[in-house]
Amino acid sequence: MPRIILLSILLLLLFFLCSCTVGIEKQKYTVLEKEDKFEIRQYPAHLIAETIVETDFNDAANVAFGRLFKYISGNNKTKEAISMTAPVNQTASSEKISMTVPVNQQQSGEKYSVSFVMPSKYSLQSLPEPLDPTVTVKEIPAFKAAAIRYSGTWSKKRYESKRASLEEFLKRKELVPKEQPVFARYNAPFELWFLRRNEVIIPVK
């Protein structure tokens, strides 16, 4: 196994083991309509930390995770302006950022975008700046999406099967996709496959 993938998996395991005792904030949304295993949701505006990787579907999250994990673990710059009398001093330090779930993966041309949703307490102005130039933070505007939830493995074959089911649902509902599907993962790799929460989410017009 390539060293970077092994390292990313080990960091992922460590992160989720440490997080089990404190809980992880889940991304918020409102269910507008539910039909069997499908939902139509409204997502509020939110912030993400994102990195782009050029690899295949199955390795994208592993390669990206190391960058994103380092960012939330302190590889960032917090700017704090301290006013006394004169002068105004500025110091830079790092900040640990709690993570939310899911971890999102979305195809971007021949590459994949992998992102962590940032905790809701942050604004774009207060979110620490990444020190790694391959990591960017940005605001995602509010949007409506259709989603299908399923358990099981993270394989591309299973993802594509669920994506096809969701696309059929969109046709029946006469909903038009406006972006590429998102593969959302809520659990750590060591979670039993039948207990995992996975989703395919497609933003719609």
N, C-alpha and C. Protein backbone atom coordinates (compact mmCIF):
# COMPACT_ATOMS: atom_id res chain seq x y z
N MET A 1 0.85 -1.20 0.00
CA MET A 1 0.00 0.00 0.00
C MET A 1 0.88 1.25 0.00
N PRO A 2 0.62 2.24 -0.89
CA PRO A 2 1.44 3.45 -0.91
C PRO A 2 1.47 4.12 0.46
N ARG A 3 2.63 4.71 0.79
CA ARG A 3 2.83 5.28 2.13
C ARG A 3 1.81 6.36 2.45
N ILE A 4 1.49 7.24 1.48
CA ILE A 4 0.57 8.35 1.76
C ILE A 4 -0.82 7.84 2.08
N ILE A 5 -1.24 6.75 1.41
CA ILE A 5 -2.57 6.19 1.68
C ILE A 5 -2.59 5.55 3.05
N LEU A 6 -1.53 4.82 3.39
CA LEU A 6 -1.45 4.19 4.71
C LEU A 6 -1.46 5.24 5.80
N LEU A 7 -0.70 6.31 5.63
CA LEU A 7 -0.65 7.38 6.62
C LEU A 7 -2.02 8.02 6.78
N SER A 8 -2.70 8.27 5.67
CA SER A 8 -4.01 8.90 5.73
C SER A 8 -5.01 8.03 6.48
N ILE A 9 -4.96 6.72 6.23
CA ILE A 9 -5.87 5.81 6.91
C ILE A 9 -5.59 5.80 8.41
N LEU A 10 -4.31 5.79 8.79
CA LEU A 10 -3.96 5.79 10.20
C LEU A 10 -4.42 7.07 10.89
N LEU A 11 -4.27 8.20 10.20
CA LEU A 11 -4.74 9.46 10.76
C LEU A 11 -6.25 9.47 10.90
N LEU A 12 -6.92 8.90 9.93
CA LEU A 12 -8.38 8.82 9.97
C LEU A 12 -8.84 7.99 11.16
N LEU A 13 -8.20 6.86 11.36
CA LEU A 13 -8.53 6.00 12.50
C LEU A 13 -8.31 6.74 13.82
N LEU A 14 -7.18 7.41 13.93
CA LEU A 14 -6.85 8.15 15.14
C LEU A 14 -7.86 9.25 15.40
N PHE A 15 -8.21 9.97 14.36
CA PHE A 15 -9.14 11.08 14.51
C PHE A 15 -10.50 10.61 15.02
N PHE A 16 -11.03 9.56 14.38
CA PHE A 16 -12.34 9.09 14.79
C PHE A 16 -12.32 8.43 16.16
N LEU A 17 -11.23 7.76 16.52
CA LEU A 17 -11.13 7.18 17.85
C LEU A 17 -11.15 8.27 18.91
N CYS A 18 -10.45 9.36 18.65
CA CYS A 18 -10.41 10.47 19.60
C CYS A 18 -11.75 11.20 19.66
N SER A 19 -12.50 11.19 18.55
CA SER A 19 -13.74 11.95 18.48
C SER A 19 -14.91 11.22 19.10
N CYS A 20 -14.77 9.90 19.30
CA CYS A 20 -15.90 9.11 19.78
C CYS A 20 -16.41 9.61 21.12
N THR A 21 -15.53 10.15 21.95
CA THR A 21 -15.94 10.54 23.28
C THR A 21 -16.60 11.91 23.31
N VAL A 22 -16.39 12.71 22.31
CA VAL A 22 -16.94 14.06 22.33
C VAL A 22 -18.04 14.26 21.30
N GLY A 23 -18.20 13.35 20.38
CA GLY A 23 -19.23 13.48 19.37
C GLY A 23 -18.76 14.38 18.23
N ILE A 24 -19.41 14.23 17.10
CA ILE A 24 -19.06 15.01 15.92
C ILE A 24 -20.31 15.72 15.43
N GLU A 25 -20.19 17.00 15.16
CA GLU A 25 -21.33 17.77 14.65
C GLU A 25 -21.70 17.27 13.25
N LYS A 26 -22.98 17.05 13.02
CA LYS A 26 -23.46 16.63 11.71
C LYS A 26 -23.95 17.83 10.92
N GLN A 27 -23.72 17.78 9.63
CA GLN A 27 -24.17 18.87 8.77
C GLN A 27 -25.68 19.01 8.85
N LYS A 28 -26.15 20.22 8.97
CA LYS A 28 -27.58 20.48 9.13
C LYS A 28 -28.29 20.57 7.78
N TYR A 29 -29.52 20.12 7.75
CA TYR A 29 -30.39 20.28 6.59
C TYR A 29 -31.83 20.07 7.03
N THR A 30 -32.78 20.49 6.20
CA THR A 30 -34.20 20.31 6.46
C THR A 30 -34.77 19.36 5.41
N VAL A 31 -35.49 18.35 5.85
CA VAL A 31 -36.12 17.42 4.90
C VAL A 31 -37.43 18.04 4.41
N LEU A 32 -37.50 18.29 3.11
CA LEU A 32 -38.69 18.88 2.50
C LEU A 32 -39.70 17.82 2.08
N GLU A 33 -39.19 16.67 1.69
CA GLU A 33 -40.06 15.59 1.22
C GLU A 33 -39.32 14.27 1.38
N LYS A 34 -40.05 13.23 1.76
CA LYS A 34 -39.44 11.91 1.93
C LYS A 34 -40.30 10.88 1.21
N GLU A 35 -39.63 10.03 0.47
CA GLU A 35 -40.32 8.96 -0.26
C GLU A 35 -39.45 7.71 -0.22
N ASP A 36 -39.86 6.75 0.59
CA ASP A 36 -39.11 5.51 0.74
C ASP A 36 -37.69 5.86 1.21
N LYS A 37 -36.67 5.48 0.44
CA LYS A 37 -35.28 5.73 0.84
C LYS A 37 -34.73 7.05 0.30
N PHE A 38 -35.58 7.83 -0.36
CA PHE A 38 -35.17 9.09 -0.96
C PHE A 38 -35.65 10.28 -0.13
N GLU A 39 -34.87 11.35 -0.16
CA GLU A 39 -35.27 12.60 0.49
C GLU A 39 -34.94 13.77 -0.41
N ILE A 40 -35.78 14.80 -0.33
CA ILE A 40 -35.46 16.09 -0.93
C ILE A 40 -35.17 17.02 0.24
N ARG A 41 -34.01 17.64 0.23
CA ARG A 41 -33.53 18.42 1.37
C ARG A 41 -33.22 19.86 0.99
N GLN A 42 -33.28 20.71 1.99
CA GLN A 42 -32.80 22.09 1.86
C GLN A 42 -31.59 22.25 2.77
N TYR A 43 -30.45 22.58 2.17
CA TYR A 43 -29.23 22.80 2.94
C TYR A 43 -29.00 24.30 3.12
N PRO A 44 -28.66 24.74 4.32
CA PRO A 44 -28.31 26.15 4.51
C PRO A 44 -26.90 26.42 3.98
N ALA A 45 -26.57 27.68 3.84
CA ALA A 45 -25.19 28.04 3.47
C ALA A 45 -24.24 27.51 4.54
N HIS A 46 -23.07 27.05 4.12
CA HIS A 46 -22.11 26.50 5.06
C HIS A 46 -20.70 26.63 4.50
N LEU A 47 -19.72 26.42 5.36
CA LEU A 47 -18.32 26.55 4.97
C LEU A 47 -17.69 25.17 4.83
N ILE A 48 -16.76 25.05 3.88
CA ILE A 48 -16.02 23.81 3.72
C ILE A 48 -14.53 24.10 3.60
N ALA A 49 -13.74 23.10 3.98
CA ALA A 49 -12.32 23.07 3.63
C ALA A 49 -12.19 22.02 2.54
N GLU A 50 -11.58 22.37 1.44
CA GLU A 50 -11.60 21.52 0.25
C GLU A 50 -10.20 21.35 -0.32
N THR A 51 -9.95 20.17 -0.87
CA THR A 51 -8.73 19.94 -1.64
C THR A 51 -9.07 19.13 -2.87
N ILE A 52 -8.34 19.35 -3.94
CA ILE A 52 -8.56 18.65 -5.20
C ILE A 52 -7.45 17.63 -5.40
N VAL A 53 -7.83 16.40 -5.74
CA VAL A 53 -6.84 15.35 -5.96
C VAL A 53 -7.05 14.73 -7.33
N GLU A 54 -5.96 14.32 -7.93
CA GLU A 54 -6.00 13.70 -9.25
C GLU A 54 -5.67 12.22 -9.09
N THR A 55 -6.69 11.43 -8.84
CA THR A 55 -6.54 10.00 -8.63
C THR A 55 -7.86 9.33 -8.97
N ASP A 56 -7.98 8.02 -8.69
CA ASP A 56 -9.23 7.36 -9.02
C ASP A 56 -10.23 7.48 -7.86
N PHE A 57 -11.45 7.01 -8.11
CA PHE A 57 -12.54 7.17 -7.15
C PHE A 57 -12.20 6.59 -5.79
N ASN A 58 -11.67 5.37 -5.77
CA ASN A 58 -11.46 4.66 -4.52
C ASN A 58 -10.35 5.26 -3.67
N ASP A 59 -9.36 5.92 -4.29
CA ASP A 59 -8.22 6.47 -3.54
C ASP A 59 -8.37 7.95 -3.22
N ALA A 60 -9.38 8.61 -3.79
CA ALA A 60 -9.49 10.06 -3.66
C ALA A 60 -9.54 10.52 -2.21
N ALA A 61 -10.41 9.91 -1.40
CA ALA A 61 -10.55 10.35 -0.01
C ALA A 61 -9.29 10.07 0.79
N ASN A 62 -8.64 8.92 0.53
CA ASN A 62 -7.43 8.59 1.26
C ASN A 62 -6.32 9.60 1.00
N VAL A 63 -6.14 9.96 -0.27
CA VAL A 63 -5.09 10.91 -0.63
C VAL A 63 -5.39 12.29 -0.05
N ALA A 64 -6.66 12.69 -0.11
CA ALA A 64 -7.04 14.04 0.34
C ALA A 64 -7.07 14.18 1.84
N PHE A 65 -7.34 13.09 2.54
CA PHE A 65 -7.59 13.19 3.97
C PHE A 65 -6.39 13.75 4.74
N GLY A 66 -5.19 13.34 4.36
CA GLY A 66 -4.00 13.83 5.07
C GLY A 66 -3.92 15.34 5.06
N ARG A 67 -4.20 15.96 3.92
CA ARG A 67 -4.14 17.42 3.81
C ARG A 67 -5.20 18.07 4.71
N LEU A 68 -6.43 17.56 4.61
CA LEU A 68 -7.53 18.17 5.35
C LEU A 68 -7.39 17.94 6.85
N PHE A 69 -6.91 16.75 7.23
CA PHE A 69 -6.73 16.45 8.65
C PHE A 69 -5.66 17.35 9.25
N LYS A 70 -4.58 17.58 8.51
CA LYS A 70 -3.53 18.47 9.01
C LYS A 70 -4.08 19.89 9.20
N TYR A 71 -4.93 20.33 8.27
CA TYR A 71 -5.50 21.67 8.38
C TYR A 71 -6.32 21.82 9.66
N ILE A 72 -7.23 20.89 9.93
CA ILE A 72 -8.07 21.03 11.12
C ILE A 72 -7.30 20.73 12.41
N SER A 73 -6.14 20.05 12.26
CA SER A 73 -5.33 19.71 13.44
C SER A 73 -4.36 20.83 13.83
N GLY A 74 -4.28 21.88 13.02
CA GLY A 74 -3.43 23.00 13.40
C GLY A 74 -2.54 23.56 12.31
N ASN A 75 -2.56 22.97 11.10
CA ASN A 75 -1.76 23.49 10.00
C ASN A 75 -2.51 24.65 9.36
N ASN A 76 -2.72 25.70 10.18
CA ASN A 76 -3.50 26.85 9.73
C ASN A 76 -3.00 28.08 10.48
N LYS A 77 -3.46 29.22 10.03
CA LYS A 77 -3.00 30.49 10.60
C LYS A 77 -4.20 31.26 11.13
N THR A 78 -4.19 31.52 12.42
CA THR A 78 -5.23 32.34 13.03
C THR A 78 -4.67 33.74 13.24
N LYS A 79 -5.35 34.71 12.68
CA LYS A 79 -4.89 36.10 12.82
C LYS A 79 -5.67 36.77 13.95
N GLU A 80 -4.95 37.29 14.91
CA GLU A 80 -5.59 37.91 16.06
C GLU A 80 -5.03 39.31 16.24
N ALA A 81 -5.89 40.29 16.08
CA ALA A 81 -5.46 41.68 16.27
C ALA A 81 -5.70 42.07 17.72
N ILE A 82 -4.67 42.57 18.40
CA ILE A 82 -4.77 42.92 19.82
C ILE A 82 -4.54 44.42 19.96
N SER A 83 -5.58 45.14 20.31
CA SER A 83 -5.45 46.59 20.49
C SER A 83 -5.14 46.89 21.94
N MET A 84 -4.07 47.62 22.19
CA MET A 84 -3.73 48.04 23.55
C MET A 84 -3.92 49.55 23.58
N THR A 85 -2.89 50.29 23.36
CA THR A 85 -3.03 51.74 23.15
C THR A 85 -2.46 52.01 21.78
N ALA A 86 -1.17 51.91 21.67
CA ALA A 86 -0.50 52.01 20.38
C ALA A 86 0.85 51.32 20.55
N PRO A 87 1.28 50.56 19.61
CA PRO A 87 0.65 50.27 18.33
C PRO A 87 -0.35 49.11 18.44
N VAL A 88 -0.92 48.73 17.29
CA VAL A 88 -1.78 47.56 17.22
C VAL A 88 -0.90 46.40 16.79
N ASN A 89 -0.84 45.37 17.63
CA ASN A 89 0.03 44.23 17.34
C ASN A 89 -0.77 43.08 16.75
N GLN A 90 -0.19 42.38 15.84
CA GLN A 90 -0.86 41.24 15.23
C GLN A 90 -0.02 39.99 15.42
N THR A 91 -0.64 38.93 15.92
CA THR A 91 0.07 37.67 16.11
C THR A 91 -0.60 36.59 15.30
N ALA A 92 0.18 35.63 14.88
CA ALA A 92 -0.36 34.50 14.12
C ALA A 92 -0.09 33.22 14.89
N SER A 93 -1.10 32.41 15.05
CA SER A 93 -0.96 31.13 15.72
C SER A 93 -1.80 30.11 14.98
N SER A 94 -1.86 28.89 15.49
CA SER A 94 -2.68 27.88 14.84
C SER A 94 -3.86 27.53 15.72
N GLU A 95 -4.85 26.88 15.14
CA GLU A 95 -6.07 26.55 15.86
C GLU A 95 -6.54 25.17 15.45
N LYS A 96 -6.93 24.36 16.43
CA LYS A 96 -7.52 23.07 16.13
C LYS A 96 -9.00 23.26 15.86
N ILE A 97 -9.49 22.61 14.81
CA ILE A 97 -10.87 22.79 14.36
C ILE A 97 -11.60 21.46 14.48
N SER A 98 -12.72 21.47 15.18
CA SER A 98 -13.53 20.25 15.24
C SER A 98 -14.08 19.95 13.86
N MET A 99 -14.27 18.67 13.60
CA MET A 99 -14.76 18.27 12.29
C MET A 99 -16.24 17.93 12.35
N THR A 100 -16.94 18.11 11.26
CA THR A 100 -18.31 17.66 11.16
C THR A 100 -18.35 16.50 10.17
N VAL A 101 -19.48 15.85 10.07
CA VAL A 101 -19.66 14.82 9.06
C VAL A 101 -20.89 15.21 8.24
N PRO A 102 -20.92 14.79 6.97
CA PRO A 102 -20.07 13.79 6.34
C PRO A 102 -18.80 14.37 5.73
N VAL A 103 -17.93 13.45 5.26
CA VAL A 103 -16.82 13.79 4.39
C VAL A 103 -17.35 13.65 2.97
N ASN A 104 -17.26 14.72 2.19
CA ASN A 104 -17.86 14.73 0.86
C ASN A 104 -16.82 14.56 -0.24
N GLN A 105 -17.20 13.80 -1.25
CA GLN A 105 -16.34 13.58 -2.42
C GLN A 105 -17.17 13.83 -3.67
N GLN A 106 -16.63 14.66 -4.58
CA GLN A 106 -17.38 15.04 -5.78
C GLN A 106 -16.42 15.12 -6.96
N GLN A 107 -16.83 14.57 -8.08
CA GLN A 107 -15.98 14.59 -9.27
C GLN A 107 -15.91 16.01 -9.82
N SER A 108 -14.70 16.40 -10.24
CA SER A 108 -14.46 17.72 -10.81
C SER A 108 -13.61 17.54 -12.05
N GLY A 109 -14.26 17.36 -13.20
CA GLY A 109 -13.54 17.05 -14.43
C GLY A 109 -12.91 15.67 -14.32
N GLU A 110 -11.58 15.60 -14.49
CA GLU A 110 -10.86 14.34 -14.35
C GLU A 110 -10.31 14.16 -12.94
N LYS A 111 -10.68 15.06 -12.03
CA LYS A 111 -10.18 15.03 -10.67
C LYS A 111 -11.35 14.88 -9.69
N TYR A 112 -11.02 14.81 -8.40
CA TYR A 112 -12.04 14.73 -7.37
C TYR A 112 -11.82 15.82 -6.32
N SER A 113 -12.93 16.44 -5.93
CA SER A 113 -12.93 17.38 -4.82
C SER A 113 -13.35 16.63 -3.57
N VAL A 114 -12.52 16.71 -2.52
CA VAL A 114 -12.86 16.09 -1.24
C VAL A 114 -12.91 17.23 -0.21
N SER A 115 -13.96 17.23 0.61
CA SER A 115 -14.14 18.35 1.52
C SER A 115 -14.64 17.93 2.89
N PHE A 116 -14.25 18.71 3.90
CA PHE A 116 -14.78 18.62 5.24
C PHE A 116 -15.71 19.81 5.43
N VAL A 117 -16.88 19.59 5.98
CA VAL A 117 -17.76 20.70 6.35
C VAL A 117 -17.25 21.28 7.66
N MET A 118 -17.14 22.58 7.72
CA MET A 118 -16.62 23.24 8.91
C MET A 118 -17.70 23.44 9.97
N PRO A 119 -17.32 23.45 11.26
CA PRO A 119 -18.31 23.66 12.32
C PRO A 119 -19.11 24.95 12.11
N SER A 120 -20.36 24.92 12.53
CA SER A 120 -21.27 26.05 12.26
C SER A 120 -20.90 27.31 13.04
N LYS A 121 -20.03 27.21 14.05
CA LYS A 121 -19.67 28.40 14.84
C LYS A 121 -18.79 29.37 14.05
N TYR A 122 -18.19 28.92 12.95
CA TYR A 122 -17.28 29.77 12.20
C TYR A 122 -18.01 30.58 11.12
N SER A 123 -17.46 31.76 10.83
CA SER A 123 -17.81 32.52 9.64
C SER A 123 -16.62 32.46 8.69
N LEU A 124 -16.79 32.93 7.48
CA LEU A 124 -15.68 32.91 6.54
C LEU A 124 -14.55 33.79 7.04
N GLN A 125 -14.89 34.82 7.81
CA GLN A 125 -13.88 35.73 8.33
C GLN A 125 -13.13 35.13 9.52
N SER A 126 -13.80 34.30 10.32
CA SER A 126 -13.16 33.76 11.52
C SER A 126 -12.49 32.41 11.29
N LEU A 127 -12.78 31.76 10.18
CA LEU A 127 -12.19 30.45 9.92
C LEU A 127 -10.70 30.60 9.64
N PRO A 128 -9.85 29.83 10.31
CA PRO A 128 -8.40 29.97 10.11
C PRO A 128 -7.98 29.71 8.66
N GLU A 129 -6.97 30.42 8.25
CA GLU A 129 -6.45 30.30 6.88
C GLU A 129 -5.52 29.09 6.77
N PRO A 130 -5.72 28.23 5.77
CA PRO A 130 -4.83 27.07 5.61
C PRO A 130 -3.41 27.50 5.27
N LEU A 131 -2.43 26.78 5.81
CA LEU A 131 -1.04 27.01 5.45
C LEU A 131 -0.66 26.19 4.21
N ASP A 132 -1.40 25.13 3.94
CA ASP A 132 -1.18 24.30 2.76
C ASP A 132 -1.91 24.93 1.57
N PRO A 133 -1.20 25.32 0.51
CA PRO A 133 -1.86 25.98 -0.62
C PRO A 133 -2.81 25.06 -1.38
N THR A 134 -2.75 23.75 -1.15
CA THR A 134 -3.67 22.84 -1.83
C THR A 134 -5.01 22.73 -1.10
N VAL A 135 -5.10 23.36 0.07
CA VAL A 135 -6.36 23.36 0.83
C VAL A 135 -6.98 24.75 0.75
N THR A 136 -8.23 24.84 0.42
CA THR A 136 -8.92 26.13 0.36
C THR A 136 -10.18 26.06 1.22
N VAL A 137 -10.58 27.21 1.75
CA VAL A 137 -11.84 27.30 2.48
C VAL A 137 -12.77 28.22 1.70
N LYS A 138 -14.04 27.86 1.66
CA LYS A 138 -14.99 28.68 0.93
C LYS A 138 -16.40 28.44 1.46
N GLU A 139 -17.28 29.37 1.11
CA GLU A 139 -18.67 29.26 1.52
C GLU A 139 -19.49 28.64 0.40
N ILE A 140 -20.31 27.66 0.74
CA ILE A 140 -21.25 27.05 -0.20
C ILE A 140 -22.61 27.69 0.04
N PRO A 141 -23.21 28.34 -0.97
CA PRO A 141 -24.53 28.96 -0.77
C PRO A 141 -25.60 27.91 -0.48
N ALA A 142 -26.69 28.33 0.10
CA ALA A 142 -27.81 27.43 0.37
C ALA A 142 -28.27 26.78 -0.94
N PHE A 143 -28.68 25.53 -0.85
CA PHE A 143 -29.13 24.82 -2.04
C PHE A 143 -30.12 23.72 -1.68
N LYS A 144 -30.86 23.27 -2.68
CA LYS A 144 -31.78 22.14 -2.53
C LYS A 144 -31.14 20.93 -3.18
N ALA A 145 -31.37 19.76 -2.62
CA ALA A 145 -30.75 18.54 -3.16
C ALA A 145 -31.65 17.34 -2.91
N ALA A 146 -31.46 16.33 -3.74
CA ALA A 146 -32.08 15.02 -3.52
C ALA A 146 -31.00 14.09 -2.99
N ALA A 147 -31.39 13.18 -2.12
CA ALA A 147 -30.41 12.29 -1.48
C ALA A 147 -30.97 10.89 -1.31
N ILE A 148 -30.08 9.92 -1.36
CA ILE A 148 -30.40 8.54 -1.03
C ILE A 148 -29.41 8.07 0.02
N ARG A 149 -29.92 7.45 1.06
CA ARG A 149 -29.08 6.97 2.16
C ARG A 149 -28.97 5.45 2.07
N TYR A 150 -27.76 4.93 2.32
CA TYR A 150 -27.57 3.49 2.27
C TYR A 150 -26.42 3.09 3.17
N SER A 151 -26.36 1.81 3.51
CA SER A 151 -25.26 1.28 4.30
C SER A 151 -24.38 0.42 3.40
N GLY A 152 -23.30 -0.09 3.97
CA GLY A 152 -22.45 -0.99 3.20
C GLY A 152 -21.11 -0.39 2.86
N THR A 153 -20.44 -1.01 1.90
CA THR A 153 -19.07 -0.64 1.56
C THR A 153 -19.02 0.70 0.83
N TRP A 154 -17.78 1.21 0.71
CA TRP A 154 -17.55 2.47 0.01
C TRP A 154 -17.10 2.25 -1.43
N SER A 155 -17.40 1.10 -1.99
CA SER A 155 -16.92 0.78 -3.33
C SER A 155 -17.58 1.66 -4.39
N LYS A 156 -16.86 1.84 -5.48
CA LYS A 156 -17.40 2.63 -6.59
C LYS A 156 -18.61 1.94 -7.19
N LYS A 157 -18.60 0.62 -7.27
CA LYS A 157 -19.72 -0.13 -7.84
C LYS A 157 -21.00 0.12 -7.05
N ARG A 158 -20.90 0.07 -5.73
CA ARG A 158 -22.09 0.30 -4.90
C ARG A 158 -22.55 1.75 -4.99
N TYR A 159 -21.59 2.68 -5.00
CA TYR A 159 -21.94 4.09 -5.16
C TYR A 159 -22.67 4.34 -6.46
N GLU A 160 -22.18 3.79 -7.55
CA GLU A 160 -22.79 4.04 -8.85
C GLU A 160 -24.19 3.42 -8.94
N SER A 161 -24.39 2.29 -8.26
CA SER A 161 -25.72 1.69 -8.23
C SER A 161 -26.71 2.62 -7.52
N LYS A 162 -26.30 3.20 -6.40
CA LYS A 162 -27.18 4.10 -5.66
C LYS A 162 -27.37 5.42 -6.41
N ARG A 163 -26.33 5.87 -7.07
CA ARG A 163 -26.45 7.09 -7.87
C ARG A 163 -27.48 6.91 -8.98
N ALA A 164 -27.45 5.75 -9.64
CA ALA A 164 -28.41 5.47 -10.71
C ALA A 164 -29.84 5.47 -10.17
N SER A 165 -30.04 4.91 -8.99
CA SER A 165 -31.37 4.90 -8.37
C SER A 165 -31.84 6.32 -8.08
N LEU A 166 -30.91 7.15 -7.58
CA LEU A 166 -31.27 8.53 -7.27
C LEU A 166 -31.58 9.32 -8.54
N GLU A 167 -30.85 9.07 -9.60
CA GLU A 167 -31.11 9.76 -10.87
C GLU A 167 -32.47 9.38 -11.44
N GLU A 168 -32.88 8.13 -11.25
CA GLU A 168 -34.22 7.72 -11.67
C GLU A 168 -35.29 8.45 -10.85
N PHE A 169 -35.02 8.60 -9.57
CA PHE A 169 -35.95 9.34 -8.70
C PHE A 169 -36.09 10.79 -9.19
N LEU A 170 -34.97 11.41 -9.56
CA LEU A 170 -35.02 12.79 -10.06
C LEU A 170 -35.88 12.89 -11.31
N LYS A 171 -35.77 11.91 -12.20
CA LYS A 171 -36.58 11.93 -13.43
C LYS A 171 -38.06 11.83 -13.10
N ARG A 172 -38.39 10.96 -12.15
CA ARG A 172 -39.80 10.81 -11.77
C ARG A 172 -40.36 12.09 -11.17
N LYS A 173 -39.52 12.79 -10.42
CA LYS A 173 -39.94 14.01 -9.77
C LYS A 173 -39.76 15.25 -10.66
N GLU A 174 -39.23 15.04 -11.84
CA GLU A 174 -38.96 16.13 -12.80
C GLU A 174 -38.06 17.19 -12.18
N LEU A 175 -37.03 16.70 -11.48
CA LEU A 175 -36.02 17.58 -10.90
C LEU A 175 -34.77 17.54 -11.77
N VAL A 176 -34.16 18.70 -11.96
CA VAL A 176 -33.01 18.81 -12.85
C VAL A 176 -31.73 18.98 -12.03
N PRO A 177 -30.76 18.08 -12.19
CA PRO A 177 -29.48 18.25 -11.47
C PRO A 177 -28.78 19.53 -11.91
N LYS A 178 -28.10 20.18 -10.96
CA LYS A 178 -27.32 21.37 -11.34
C LYS A 178 -25.83 21.20 -11.07
N GLU A 179 -25.46 20.10 -10.39
CA GLU A 179 -24.05 19.82 -10.12
C GLU A 179 -23.81 18.32 -10.16
N GLN A 180 -22.54 17.94 -10.12
CA GLN A 180 -22.18 16.54 -10.06
C GLN A 180 -22.64 15.92 -8.74
N PRO A 181 -22.95 14.62 -8.72
CA PRO A 181 -23.34 13.97 -7.47
C PRO A 181 -22.21 14.04 -6.43
N VAL A 182 -22.60 14.04 -5.18
CA VAL A 182 -21.68 14.05 -4.05
C VAL A 182 -21.78 12.71 -3.32
N PHE A 183 -20.63 12.11 -3.02
CA PHE A 183 -20.58 10.89 -2.23
C PHE A 183 -20.25 11.30 -0.80
N ALA A 184 -21.19 11.07 0.13
CA ALA A 184 -21.04 11.51 1.51
C ALA A 184 -20.83 10.32 2.43
N ARG A 185 -19.79 10.39 3.26
CA ARG A 185 -19.47 9.32 4.21
C ARG A 185 -19.52 9.86 5.63
N TYR A 186 -20.24 9.15 6.50
CA TYR A 186 -20.45 9.60 7.87
C TYR A 186 -19.64 8.83 8.91
N ASN A 187 -19.01 7.76 8.52
CA ASN A 187 -18.38 6.88 9.52
C ASN A 187 -16.90 6.66 9.24
N ALA A 188 -16.21 6.15 10.25
CA ALA A 188 -14.81 5.80 10.12
C ALA A 188 -14.66 4.46 9.40
N PRO A 189 -13.48 4.18 8.85
CA PRO A 189 -13.28 2.93 8.11
C PRO A 189 -13.49 1.68 8.94
N PHE A 190 -13.25 1.78 10.27
CA PHE A 190 -13.37 0.59 11.10
C PHE A 190 -14.81 0.29 11.49
N GLU A 191 -15.77 1.16 11.14
CA GLU A 191 -17.17 0.90 11.44
C GLU A 191 -17.63 -0.32 10.65
N LEU A 192 -18.40 -1.20 11.28
CA LEU A 192 -18.93 -2.37 10.58
C LEU A 192 -19.72 -1.92 9.36
N TRP A 193 -19.51 -2.59 8.24
CA TRP A 193 -20.05 -2.11 6.96
C TRP A 193 -21.57 -1.95 7.00
N PHE A 194 -22.26 -2.82 7.75
CA PHE A 194 -23.72 -2.74 7.75
C PHE A 194 -24.25 -1.65 8.69
N LEU A 195 -23.35 -1.01 9.46
CA LEU A 195 -23.75 0.09 10.34
C LEU A 195 -23.38 1.46 9.75
N ARG A 196 -22.70 1.46 8.63
CA ARG A 196 -22.25 2.73 8.05
C ARG A 196 -23.43 3.52 7.47
N ARG A 197 -23.29 4.81 7.55
CA ARG A 197 -24.23 5.70 6.87
C ARG A 197 -23.51 6.34 5.69
N ASN A 198 -23.95 6.02 4.52
CA ASN A 198 -23.42 6.59 3.28
C ASN A 198 -24.57 7.26 2.54
N GLU A 199 -24.25 8.26 1.75
CA GLU A 199 -25.29 8.93 0.96
C GLU A 199 -24.76 9.36 -0.40
N VAL A 200 -25.65 9.40 -1.38
CA VAL A 200 -25.40 10.08 -2.63
C VAL A 200 -26.33 11.30 -2.61
N ILE A 201 -25.77 12.46 -2.86
CA ILE A 201 -26.52 13.72 -2.81
C ILE A 201 -26.35 14.43 -4.15
N ILE A 202 -27.45 14.83 -4.75
CA ILE A 202 -27.38 15.55 -6.02
C ILE A 202 -28.09 16.90 -5.87
N PRO A 203 -27.33 18.01 -5.91
CA PRO A 203 -27.96 19.34 -5.90
C PRO A 203 -28.85 19.51 -7.13
N VAL A 204 -30.01 20.14 -6.93
CA VAL A 204 -30.98 20.29 -8.03
C VAL A 204 -31.34 21.75 -8.22
N LYS A 205 -31.84 22.05 -9.41
CA LYS A 205 -32.27 23.41 -9.71
C LYS A 205 -33.60 23.69 -9.04
